[in-house]
Amino acid sequence: MRNCLLLIFSIIELASLAQMEIDFSPVNDGQTFNTCSGFIIDSGGQGGSGYSNNEDVTITICPDNPGDVITISFNTFDLDLFDDDPLAGGNHYNVDEMYVYDGNSTAGNFLGNYNGAGLQGTIIKASSQNPTGCITLRFVSNSSNNPGTWLFTASATCTTPCADPVAGGVLLNEEKNEKQI
């Protein structure tokens, strides 16, 4: 009986540690993932060859607990900086990029676009002004990459925002009568 209980508790513990895999493959374009334990990976998959050329995939990650917000920690971020259209002129810089939005779509507050190693070791958290608690990511790769393995991985977790502070105190008037506020 003791061994059975130990086995049951071990299975429950392992299940609670399991992460949802969220990959940036075209099949997931436009999808929303509700999780507080996610593993984000490029379309090449874990241990794979990295992402491919001509990708344009947008995913949204939302907390599965109401009131929480998503936090994304980029563990690896190494995007190719080859410009496949250098003759376009002006400020055109056509490299592989990740676009980040504070919300449940690309209509959310734009937090920036990142290339090269721009998100390596970076943590992105949904803001307190974002009522959904979601983060939307759009990854775009151009038509040609330099030789090499270009990839990205991140983890998605949830945090519970702190409640807004409430002022409190005691005021004393000249007659030393306390007044609670």
N, C-alpha and C. Protein backbone atom coordinates (compact mmCIF):
# COMPACT_ATOMS: atom_id res chain seq x y z
N MET A 1 0.82 -1.19 0.00
CA MET A 1 0.00 0.00 0.00
C MET A 1 0.87 1.26 0.00
N ARG A 2 1.93 1.23 0.80
CA ARG A 2 2.82 2.38 0.89
C ARG A 2 3.47 2.65 -0.46
N ASN A 3 3.87 1.62 -1.17
CA ASN A 3 4.48 1.79 -2.49
C ASN A 3 3.49 2.37 -3.49
N CYS A 4 2.23 1.98 -3.40
CA CYS A 4 1.20 2.53 -4.29
C CYS A 4 1.02 4.01 -4.05
N LEU A 5 0.96 4.41 -2.78
CA LEU A 5 0.81 5.83 -2.47
C LEU A 5 2.01 6.63 -2.95
N LEU A 6 3.20 6.09 -2.78
CA LEU A 6 4.41 6.75 -3.24
C LEU A 6 4.38 6.94 -4.76
N LEU A 7 3.94 5.92 -5.47
CA LEU A 7 3.84 5.98 -6.93
C LEU A 7 2.81 7.04 -7.36
N ILE A 8 1.68 7.07 -6.71
CA ILE A 8 0.63 8.05 -7.04
C ILE A 8 1.13 9.47 -6.81
N PHE A 9 1.77 9.73 -5.68
CA PHE A 9 2.29 11.07 -5.40
C PHE A 9 3.40 11.45 -6.37
N SER A 10 4.21 10.50 -6.77
CA SER A 10 5.27 10.77 -7.75
C SER A 10 4.69 11.16 -9.10
N ILE A 11 3.64 10.48 -9.53
CA ILE A 11 2.99 10.79 -10.80
C ILE A 11 2.36 12.19 -10.76
N ILE A 12 1.70 12.51 -9.66
CA ILE A 12 1.09 13.83 -9.51
C ILE A 12 2.16 14.92 -9.55
N GLU A 13 3.28 14.69 -8.86
CA GLU A 13 4.36 15.68 -8.85
C GLU A 13 4.95 15.87 -10.24
N LEU A 14 5.19 14.80 -10.97
CA LEU A 14 5.72 14.90 -12.33
C LEU A 14 4.75 15.61 -13.26
N ALA A 15 3.47 15.35 -13.12
CA ALA A 15 2.46 16.00 -13.96
C ALA A 15 2.43 17.50 -13.71
N SER A 16 2.64 17.90 -12.45
CA SER A 16 2.61 19.33 -12.14
C SER A 16 3.83 20.05 -12.70
N LEU A 17 4.92 19.34 -12.96
CA LEU A 17 6.13 19.94 -13.50
C LEU A 17 6.14 19.98 -15.03
N ALA A 18 5.21 19.34 -15.67
CA ALA A 18 5.18 19.27 -17.13
C ALA A 18 4.92 20.65 -17.71
N GLN A 19 5.66 20.95 -18.77
CA GLN A 19 5.49 22.23 -19.46
C GLN A 19 4.78 22.02 -20.79
N MET A 20 3.95 22.98 -21.14
CA MET A 20 3.30 22.97 -22.45
C MET A 20 4.32 23.47 -23.48
N GLU A 21 4.51 22.70 -24.55
CA GLU A 21 5.42 23.15 -25.61
C GLU A 21 4.66 24.06 -26.56
N ILE A 22 5.21 25.23 -26.80
CA ILE A 22 4.62 26.23 -27.69
C ILE A 22 5.63 26.48 -28.79
N ASP A 23 5.37 25.93 -29.97
CA ASP A 23 6.34 26.13 -31.05
C ASP A 23 5.83 27.12 -32.09
N PHE A 24 6.79 27.81 -32.66
CA PHE A 24 6.51 28.84 -33.67
C PHE A 24 6.45 28.22 -35.05
N SER A 25 5.63 27.21 -35.22
CA SER A 25 5.46 26.61 -36.54
C SER A 25 4.22 27.21 -37.19
N PRO A 26 4.14 27.20 -38.52
CA PRO A 26 2.98 27.78 -39.20
C PRO A 26 1.64 27.22 -38.74
N VAL A 27 1.60 25.99 -38.27
CA VAL A 27 0.34 25.40 -37.81
C VAL A 27 -0.19 26.13 -36.58
N ASN A 28 0.68 26.80 -35.83
CA ASN A 28 0.27 27.52 -34.63
C ASN A 28 0.06 29.02 -34.86
N ASP A 29 0.21 29.48 -36.10
CA ASP A 29 0.03 30.89 -36.40
C ASP A 29 -1.37 31.35 -35.99
N GLY A 30 -1.44 32.42 -35.22
CA GLY A 30 -2.72 32.97 -34.79
C GLY A 30 -3.32 32.28 -33.58
N GLN A 31 -2.62 31.31 -33.01
CA GLN A 31 -3.15 30.56 -31.87
C GLN A 31 -2.88 31.27 -30.55
N THR A 32 -3.74 31.01 -29.57
CA THR A 32 -3.56 31.50 -28.21
C THR A 32 -3.34 30.29 -27.31
N PHE A 33 -2.32 30.37 -26.48
CA PHE A 33 -2.00 29.30 -25.54
C PHE A 33 -2.24 29.82 -24.13
N ASN A 34 -3.04 29.10 -23.36
CA ASN A 34 -3.32 29.45 -21.98
C ASN A 34 -2.52 28.51 -21.08
N THR A 35 -1.47 29.05 -20.48
CA THR A 35 -0.62 28.23 -19.64
C THR A 35 0.17 29.10 -18.68
N CYS A 36 0.51 28.52 -17.55
CA CYS A 36 1.41 29.17 -16.60
C CYS A 36 2.73 28.41 -16.52
N SER A 37 2.90 27.47 -17.44
CA SER A 37 4.12 26.69 -17.50
C SER A 37 4.35 26.27 -18.94
N GLY A 38 4.93 27.18 -19.73
CA GLY A 38 5.12 26.91 -21.15
C GLY A 38 6.58 26.97 -21.55
N PHE A 39 6.92 26.20 -22.56
CA PHE A 39 8.26 26.19 -23.15
C PHE A 39 8.10 26.66 -24.59
N ILE A 40 8.62 27.84 -24.91
CA ILE A 40 8.50 28.43 -26.24
C ILE A 40 9.75 28.07 -27.03
N ILE A 41 9.54 27.62 -28.26
CA ILE A 41 10.67 27.18 -29.08
C ILE A 41 10.42 27.52 -30.54
N ASP A 42 11.50 27.76 -31.28
CA ASP A 42 11.37 28.05 -32.70
C ASP A 42 10.86 26.82 -33.46
N SER A 43 10.56 27.00 -34.73
CA SER A 43 9.95 25.93 -35.54
C SER A 43 10.85 24.73 -35.77
N GLY A 44 12.16 24.86 -35.50
CA GLY A 44 13.07 23.73 -35.66
C GLY A 44 12.91 22.68 -34.59
N GLY A 45 12.24 23.02 -33.51
CA GLY A 45 12.00 22.07 -32.43
C GLY A 45 13.20 21.90 -31.52
N GLN A 46 12.96 21.24 -30.41
CA GLN A 46 14.01 21.02 -29.43
C GLN A 46 15.11 20.15 -30.01
N GLY A 47 16.34 20.64 -29.94
CA GLY A 47 17.48 19.90 -30.49
C GLY A 47 17.52 19.91 -32.00
N GLY A 48 16.64 20.70 -32.63
CA GLY A 48 16.54 20.74 -34.08
C GLY A 48 17.51 21.72 -34.72
N SER A 49 17.26 21.98 -35.97
CA SER A 49 18.17 22.79 -36.77
C SER A 49 17.85 24.28 -36.73
N GLY A 50 16.96 24.70 -35.87
CA GLY A 50 16.59 26.11 -35.81
C GLY A 50 15.46 26.41 -36.78
N TYR A 51 15.06 27.67 -36.82
CA TYR A 51 13.93 28.09 -37.65
C TYR A 51 14.32 28.14 -39.12
N SER A 52 13.31 28.32 -39.98
CA SER A 52 13.51 28.34 -41.43
C SER A 52 13.35 29.75 -41.99
N ASN A 53 13.63 29.89 -43.27
CA ASN A 53 13.42 31.15 -43.99
C ASN A 53 11.93 31.36 -44.22
N ASN A 54 11.55 32.60 -44.45
CA ASN A 54 10.18 32.98 -44.83
C ASN A 54 9.12 32.59 -43.81
N GLU A 55 9.43 32.68 -42.55
CA GLU A 55 8.43 32.42 -41.51
C GLU A 55 7.78 33.74 -41.08
N ASP A 56 6.52 33.69 -40.78
CA ASP A 56 5.78 34.82 -40.22
C ASP A 56 4.69 34.22 -39.35
N VAL A 57 4.99 34.07 -38.07
CA VAL A 57 4.11 33.37 -37.14
C VAL A 57 3.84 34.25 -35.93
N THR A 58 2.57 34.38 -35.58
CA THR A 58 2.15 35.15 -34.41
C THR A 58 1.45 34.23 -33.43
N ILE A 59 1.88 34.26 -32.17
CA ILE A 59 1.21 33.49 -31.12
C ILE A 59 0.95 34.40 -29.93
N THR A 60 -0.05 34.05 -29.16
CA THR A 60 -0.38 34.77 -27.94
C THR A 60 -0.33 33.80 -26.78
N ILE A 61 0.28 34.24 -25.69
CA ILE A 61 0.37 33.40 -24.50
C ILE A 61 -0.34 34.13 -23.37
N CYS A 62 -1.35 33.46 -22.79
CA CYS A 62 -2.16 34.04 -21.73
C CYS A 62 -2.08 33.17 -20.48
N PRO A 63 -2.25 33.78 -19.32
CA PRO A 63 -2.25 32.99 -18.09
C PRO A 63 -3.49 32.12 -18.00
N ASP A 64 -3.34 30.95 -17.41
CA ASP A 64 -4.51 30.09 -17.23
C ASP A 64 -5.17 30.33 -15.87
N ASN A 65 -4.64 31.26 -15.10
CA ASN A 65 -5.25 31.65 -13.83
C ASN A 65 -5.75 33.09 -13.95
N PRO A 66 -7.05 33.33 -13.78
CA PRO A 66 -7.57 34.70 -13.88
C PRO A 66 -6.87 35.64 -12.90
N GLY A 67 -6.53 36.82 -13.37
CA GLY A 67 -5.86 37.81 -12.54
C GLY A 67 -4.34 37.76 -12.60
N ASP A 68 -3.78 36.68 -13.12
CA ASP A 68 -2.33 36.56 -13.27
C ASP A 68 -1.87 37.25 -14.55
N VAL A 69 -0.56 37.43 -14.68
CA VAL A 69 0.03 37.97 -15.90
C VAL A 69 1.16 37.05 -16.36
N ILE A 70 1.39 37.05 -17.66
CA ILE A 70 2.45 36.22 -18.24
C ILE A 70 3.80 36.90 -18.11
N THR A 71 4.80 36.11 -17.79
CA THR A 71 6.19 36.53 -17.79
C THR A 71 6.93 35.59 -18.73
N ILE A 72 7.65 36.16 -19.68
CA ILE A 72 8.42 35.35 -20.64
C ILE A 72 9.90 35.63 -20.44
N SER A 73 10.68 34.55 -20.22
CA SER A 73 12.13 34.64 -20.03
C SER A 73 12.80 34.00 -21.23
N PHE A 74 13.53 34.80 -21.99
CA PHE A 74 14.24 34.27 -23.16
C PHE A 74 15.56 33.66 -22.72
N ASN A 75 15.64 32.33 -22.89
CA ASN A 75 16.84 31.59 -22.51
C ASN A 75 17.89 31.67 -23.61
N THR A 76 17.47 31.49 -24.85
CA THR A 76 18.34 31.54 -26.02
C THR A 76 17.68 32.45 -27.04
N PHE A 77 18.44 33.35 -27.63
CA PHE A 77 17.89 34.22 -28.66
C PHE A 77 19.04 34.59 -29.58
N ASP A 78 19.09 33.94 -30.73
CA ASP A 78 20.17 34.16 -31.69
C ASP A 78 19.57 34.16 -33.09
N LEU A 79 19.17 35.34 -33.56
CA LEU A 79 18.55 35.48 -34.88
C LEU A 79 19.58 35.97 -35.90
N ASP A 80 19.42 35.49 -37.12
CA ASP A 80 20.32 35.86 -38.20
C ASP A 80 20.16 37.34 -38.54
N LEU A 81 21.28 38.03 -38.76
CA LEU A 81 21.27 39.45 -39.09
C LEU A 81 21.51 39.71 -40.57
N PHE A 82 21.43 38.66 -41.41
CA PHE A 82 21.63 38.86 -42.84
C PHE A 82 20.45 39.65 -43.42
N ASP A 83 20.77 40.75 -44.11
CA ASP A 83 19.76 41.59 -44.75
C ASP A 83 19.56 41.07 -46.17
N ASP A 84 18.39 40.50 -46.45
CA ASP A 84 18.17 39.90 -47.77
C ASP A 84 17.71 40.91 -48.82
N ASP A 85 17.66 42.20 -48.45
CA ASP A 85 17.26 43.23 -49.41
C ASP A 85 18.03 44.53 -49.12
N PRO A 86 19.39 44.49 -49.20
CA PRO A 86 20.18 45.66 -48.82
C PRO A 86 20.05 46.83 -49.80
N LEU A 87 19.55 46.61 -51.00
CA LEU A 87 19.44 47.68 -51.99
C LEU A 87 18.16 48.48 -51.86
N ALA A 88 17.32 48.16 -50.91
CA ALA A 88 16.04 48.85 -50.76
C ALA A 88 16.25 50.31 -50.34
N GLY A 89 17.38 50.62 -49.72
CA GLY A 89 17.70 52.00 -49.35
C GLY A 89 16.95 52.47 -48.12
N GLY A 90 17.23 53.71 -47.74
CA GLY A 90 16.56 54.31 -46.59
C GLY A 90 16.88 53.58 -45.31
N ASN A 91 15.90 53.47 -44.45
CA ASN A 91 16.06 52.81 -43.16
C ASN A 91 15.69 51.33 -43.22
N HIS A 92 15.53 50.81 -44.42
CA HIS A 92 15.13 49.41 -44.58
C HIS A 92 16.24 48.50 -44.07
N TYR A 93 15.90 47.63 -43.18
CA TYR A 93 16.83 46.68 -42.61
C TYR A 93 16.06 45.39 -42.46
N ASN A 94 16.14 44.52 -43.45
CA ASN A 94 15.30 43.34 -43.54
C ASN A 94 15.99 42.12 -42.96
N VAL A 95 16.00 42.01 -41.63
CA VAL A 95 16.61 40.88 -40.94
C VAL A 95 15.52 40.12 -40.19
N ASP A 96 15.87 38.98 -39.64
CA ASP A 96 14.93 38.19 -38.85
C ASP A 96 14.65 38.94 -37.54
N GLU A 97 13.36 39.01 -37.16
CA GLU A 97 12.99 39.79 -35.98
C GLU A 97 11.84 39.17 -35.19
N MET A 98 11.82 39.50 -33.90
CA MET A 98 10.73 39.15 -33.01
C MET A 98 10.07 40.46 -32.58
N TYR A 99 8.74 40.53 -32.75
CA TYR A 99 7.96 41.70 -32.34
C TYR A 99 7.18 41.31 -31.09
N VAL A 100 7.15 42.20 -30.09
CA VAL A 100 6.53 41.88 -28.80
C VAL A 100 5.43 42.90 -28.50
N TYR A 101 4.26 42.39 -28.09
CA TYR A 101 3.09 43.22 -27.79
C TYR A 101 2.55 42.88 -26.41
N ASP A 102 2.18 43.90 -25.66
CA ASP A 102 1.62 43.76 -24.33
C ASP A 102 0.10 43.65 -24.45
N GLY A 103 -0.39 42.45 -24.72
CA GLY A 103 -1.82 42.25 -24.89
C GLY A 103 -2.12 40.94 -25.59
N ASN A 104 -3.39 40.71 -25.88
CA ASN A 104 -3.81 39.44 -26.47
C ASN A 104 -3.87 39.47 -28.00
N SER A 105 -3.22 40.47 -28.61
CA SER A 105 -3.12 40.53 -30.08
C SER A 105 -2.06 41.55 -30.44
N THR A 106 -1.80 41.68 -31.73
CA THR A 106 -0.84 42.68 -32.20
C THR A 106 -1.41 44.10 -32.09
N ALA A 107 -2.65 44.23 -31.66
CA ALA A 107 -3.22 45.55 -31.38
C ALA A 107 -2.83 46.04 -29.99
N GLY A 108 -2.20 45.16 -29.20
CA GLY A 108 -1.75 45.55 -27.86
C GLY A 108 -0.62 46.55 -27.93
N ASN A 109 -0.24 47.08 -26.80
CA ASN A 109 0.85 48.05 -26.72
C ASN A 109 2.14 47.42 -27.27
N PHE A 110 2.75 48.07 -28.27
CA PHE A 110 3.97 47.56 -28.91
C PHE A 110 5.15 47.78 -27.97
N LEU A 111 5.82 46.69 -27.60
CA LEU A 111 6.96 46.77 -26.69
C LEU A 111 8.30 46.79 -27.41
N GLY A 112 8.31 46.50 -28.71
CA GLY A 112 9.56 46.58 -29.46
C GLY A 112 9.76 45.43 -30.41
N ASN A 113 10.73 45.62 -31.30
CA ASN A 113 11.16 44.54 -32.20
C ASN A 113 12.63 44.28 -31.93
N TYR A 114 12.99 43.00 -31.95
CA TYR A 114 14.31 42.57 -31.52
C TYR A 114 14.92 41.65 -32.56
N ASN A 115 16.25 41.80 -32.76
CA ASN A 115 16.96 40.93 -33.69
C ASN A 115 18.31 40.56 -33.09
N GLY A 116 19.11 39.78 -33.82
CA GLY A 116 20.40 39.35 -33.30
C GLY A 116 20.23 38.63 -31.97
N ALA A 117 20.95 39.10 -30.96
CA ALA A 117 20.85 38.52 -29.61
C ALA A 117 20.04 39.46 -28.70
N GLY A 118 19.21 40.31 -29.27
CA GLY A 118 18.50 41.36 -28.56
C GLY A 118 17.63 40.94 -27.40
N LEU A 119 17.14 39.72 -27.37
CA LEU A 119 16.31 39.26 -26.26
C LEU A 119 17.01 38.22 -25.39
N GLN A 120 18.25 37.90 -25.70
CA GLN A 120 19.00 36.90 -24.92
C GLN A 120 19.02 37.30 -23.46
N GLY A 121 18.53 36.43 -22.58
CA GLY A 121 18.52 36.69 -21.14
C GLY A 121 17.52 37.74 -20.69
N THR A 122 16.60 38.14 -21.55
CA THR A 122 15.63 39.19 -21.24
C THR A 122 14.34 38.59 -20.69
N ILE A 123 13.74 39.31 -19.75
CA ILE A 123 12.44 38.92 -19.18
C ILE A 123 11.42 39.98 -19.58
N ILE A 124 10.31 39.52 -20.16
CA ILE A 124 9.22 40.40 -20.56
C ILE A 124 8.00 40.02 -19.73
N LYS A 125 7.36 41.01 -19.15
CA LYS A 125 6.20 40.76 -18.30
C LYS A 125 5.05 41.63 -18.75
N ALA A 126 3.85 41.06 -18.79
CA ALA A 126 2.66 41.84 -19.11
C ALA A 126 2.51 42.95 -18.08
N SER A 127 2.11 44.13 -18.55
CA SER A 127 2.02 45.29 -17.66
C SER A 127 0.72 45.27 -16.85
N SER A 128 0.68 46.11 -15.83
CA SER A 128 -0.53 46.22 -15.02
C SER A 128 -1.65 46.92 -15.78
N GLN A 129 -1.32 47.63 -16.87
CA GLN A 129 -2.34 48.27 -17.69
C GLN A 129 -2.96 47.30 -18.70
N ASN A 130 -2.45 46.10 -18.76
CA ASN A 130 -2.92 45.08 -19.69
C ASN A 130 -3.94 44.20 -18.97
N PRO A 131 -5.24 44.38 -19.22
CA PRO A 131 -6.25 43.63 -18.48
C PRO A 131 -6.29 42.13 -18.80
N THR A 132 -5.70 41.72 -19.93
CA THR A 132 -5.71 40.30 -20.30
C THR A 132 -4.59 39.52 -19.63
N GLY A 133 -3.48 40.19 -19.27
CA GLY A 133 -2.32 39.51 -18.72
C GLY A 133 -1.53 38.75 -19.78
N CYS A 134 -1.88 38.91 -21.06
CA CYS A 134 -1.27 38.16 -22.16
C CYS A 134 -0.10 38.91 -22.79
N ILE A 135 0.76 38.17 -23.44
CA ILE A 135 1.83 38.70 -24.28
C ILE A 135 1.67 38.07 -25.66
N THR A 136 1.77 38.89 -26.70
CA THR A 136 1.72 38.39 -28.08
C THR A 136 3.09 38.55 -28.71
N LEU A 137 3.55 37.48 -29.37
CA LEU A 137 4.85 37.46 -30.04
C LEU A 137 4.64 37.20 -31.52
N ARG A 138 5.33 37.97 -32.36
CA ARG A 138 5.30 37.74 -33.81
C ARG A 138 6.74 37.57 -34.26
N PHE A 139 7.04 36.41 -34.86
CA PHE A 139 8.37 36.13 -35.37
C PHE A 139 8.34 36.15 -36.89
N VAL A 140 9.28 36.89 -37.48
CA VAL A 140 9.38 36.99 -38.94
C VAL A 140 10.82 36.73 -39.35
N SER A 141 11.01 35.76 -40.25
CA SER A 141 12.34 35.53 -40.81
C SER A 141 12.31 35.90 -42.29
N ASN A 142 13.42 36.42 -42.78
CA ASN A 142 13.46 36.84 -44.17
C ASN A 142 13.71 35.65 -45.10
N SER A 143 14.01 35.93 -46.36
CA SER A 143 14.10 34.87 -47.37
C SER A 143 15.42 34.13 -47.41
N SER A 144 16.42 34.61 -46.67
CA SER A 144 17.74 33.99 -46.77
C SER A 144 18.50 34.15 -45.47
N ASN A 145 19.09 33.07 -44.98
CA ASN A 145 19.89 33.12 -43.77
C ASN A 145 21.34 32.75 -44.07
N ASN A 146 22.26 33.32 -43.30
CA ASN A 146 23.65 32.91 -43.37
C ASN A 146 23.74 31.47 -42.88
N PRO A 147 24.79 30.75 -43.27
CA PRO A 147 24.95 29.39 -42.73
C PRO A 147 25.04 29.44 -41.21
N GLY A 148 24.48 28.45 -40.57
CA GLY A 148 24.51 28.39 -39.11
C GLY A 148 23.16 27.95 -38.58
N THR A 149 23.13 27.78 -37.28
CA THR A 149 21.89 27.42 -36.61
C THR A 149 21.38 28.65 -35.88
N TRP A 150 20.26 29.18 -36.35
CA TRP A 150 19.63 30.35 -35.76
C TRP A 150 18.41 29.87 -35.00
N LEU A 151 18.28 30.29 -33.74
CA LEU A 151 17.21 29.72 -32.92
C LEU A 151 16.83 30.63 -31.77
N PHE A 152 15.72 30.26 -31.12
CA PHE A 152 15.31 30.94 -29.89
C PHE A 152 14.49 29.98 -29.05
N THR A 153 14.61 30.15 -27.73
CA THR A 153 13.80 29.42 -26.76
C THR A 153 13.47 30.37 -25.60
N ALA A 154 12.36 30.10 -24.95
CA ALA A 154 11.96 30.91 -23.80
C ALA A 154 11.04 30.08 -22.92
N SER A 155 10.84 30.55 -21.71
CA SER A 155 9.87 29.92 -20.83
C SER A 155 8.80 30.95 -20.48
N ALA A 156 7.57 30.47 -20.34
CA ALA A 156 6.44 31.32 -19.99
C ALA A 156 5.89 30.87 -18.65
N THR A 157 5.82 31.80 -17.72
CA THR A 157 5.27 31.51 -16.41
C THR A 157 4.27 32.60 -16.04
N CYS A 158 3.57 32.39 -14.96
CA CYS A 158 2.59 33.38 -14.50
C CYS A 158 3.05 33.97 -13.18
N THR A 159 2.68 35.21 -13.00
CA THR A 159 2.88 35.85 -11.71
C THR A 159 1.57 36.55 -11.34
N THR A 160 1.36 36.69 -10.06
CA THR A 160 0.19 37.40 -9.58
C THR A 160 0.63 38.80 -9.20
N PRO A 161 0.06 39.81 -9.87
CA PRO A 161 0.46 41.19 -9.54
C PRO A 161 0.10 41.55 -8.11
N CYS A 162 0.88 42.44 -7.55
CA CYS A 162 0.59 42.94 -6.21
C CYS A 162 -0.64 43.82 -6.26
N ALA A 163 -1.39 43.82 -5.19
CA ALA A 163 -2.54 44.71 -5.09
C ALA A 163 -2.03 46.15 -4.99
N ASP A 164 -2.81 47.07 -5.52
CA ASP A 164 -2.45 48.48 -5.40
C ASP A 164 -2.39 48.85 -3.92
N PRO A 165 -1.40 49.67 -3.55
CA PRO A 165 -1.30 50.06 -2.13
C PRO A 165 -2.47 50.94 -1.71
N VAL A 166 -2.84 50.82 -0.46
CA VAL A 166 -3.91 51.64 0.12
C VAL A 166 -3.30 52.43 1.27
N ALA A 167 -3.46 53.73 1.19
CA ALA A 167 -2.92 54.58 2.25
C ALA A 167 -3.72 54.40 3.52
N GLY A 168 -3.05 54.49 4.61
CA GLY A 168 -3.72 54.40 5.89
C GLY A 168 -2.88 55.08 6.95
N GLY A 169 -3.48 55.56 7.96
CA GLY A 169 -2.72 56.21 9.01
C GLY A 169 -3.64 56.84 10.03
N VAL A 170 -3.04 57.49 10.99
CA VAL A 170 -3.76 58.16 12.05
C VAL A 170 -3.32 59.62 12.05
N LEU A 171 -4.29 60.55 12.07
CA LEU A 171 -4.01 61.98 12.17
C LEU A 171 -4.34 62.45 13.58
N LEU A 172 -3.50 63.28 14.11
CA LEU A 172 -3.76 63.85 15.43
C LEU A 172 -4.04 65.34 15.24
N ASN A 173 -5.14 65.81 15.83
CA ASN A 173 -5.39 67.25 15.75
C ASN A 173 -4.79 67.92 16.97
N GLU A 174 -4.94 69.22 17.08
CA GLU A 174 -4.32 69.98 18.17
C GLU A 174 -4.82 69.56 19.53
N GLU A 175 -6.01 69.08 19.61
CA GLU A 175 -6.58 68.69 20.89
C GLU A 175 -6.24 67.25 21.25
N LYS A 176 -5.36 66.64 20.45
CA LYS A 176 -4.90 65.26 20.68
C LYS A 176 -6.00 64.24 20.51
N ASN A 177 -7.05 64.58 19.78
CA ASN A 177 -8.09 63.61 19.48
C ASN A 177 -7.67 62.87 18.21
N GLU A 178 -7.63 61.58 18.27
CA GLU A 178 -7.24 60.80 17.12
C GLU A 178 -8.39 60.71 16.14
N LYS A 179 -8.05 60.71 14.90
CA LYS A 179 -9.04 60.57 13.86
C LYS A 179 -8.54 59.50 12.88
N GLN A 180 -9.27 58.44 12.74
CA GLN A 180 -8.90 57.36 11.83
C GLN A 180 -9.26 57.74 10.41
N ILE A 181 -8.36 57.43 9.47
CA ILE A 181 -8.67 57.63 8.05
C ILE A 181 -8.45 56.35 7.30
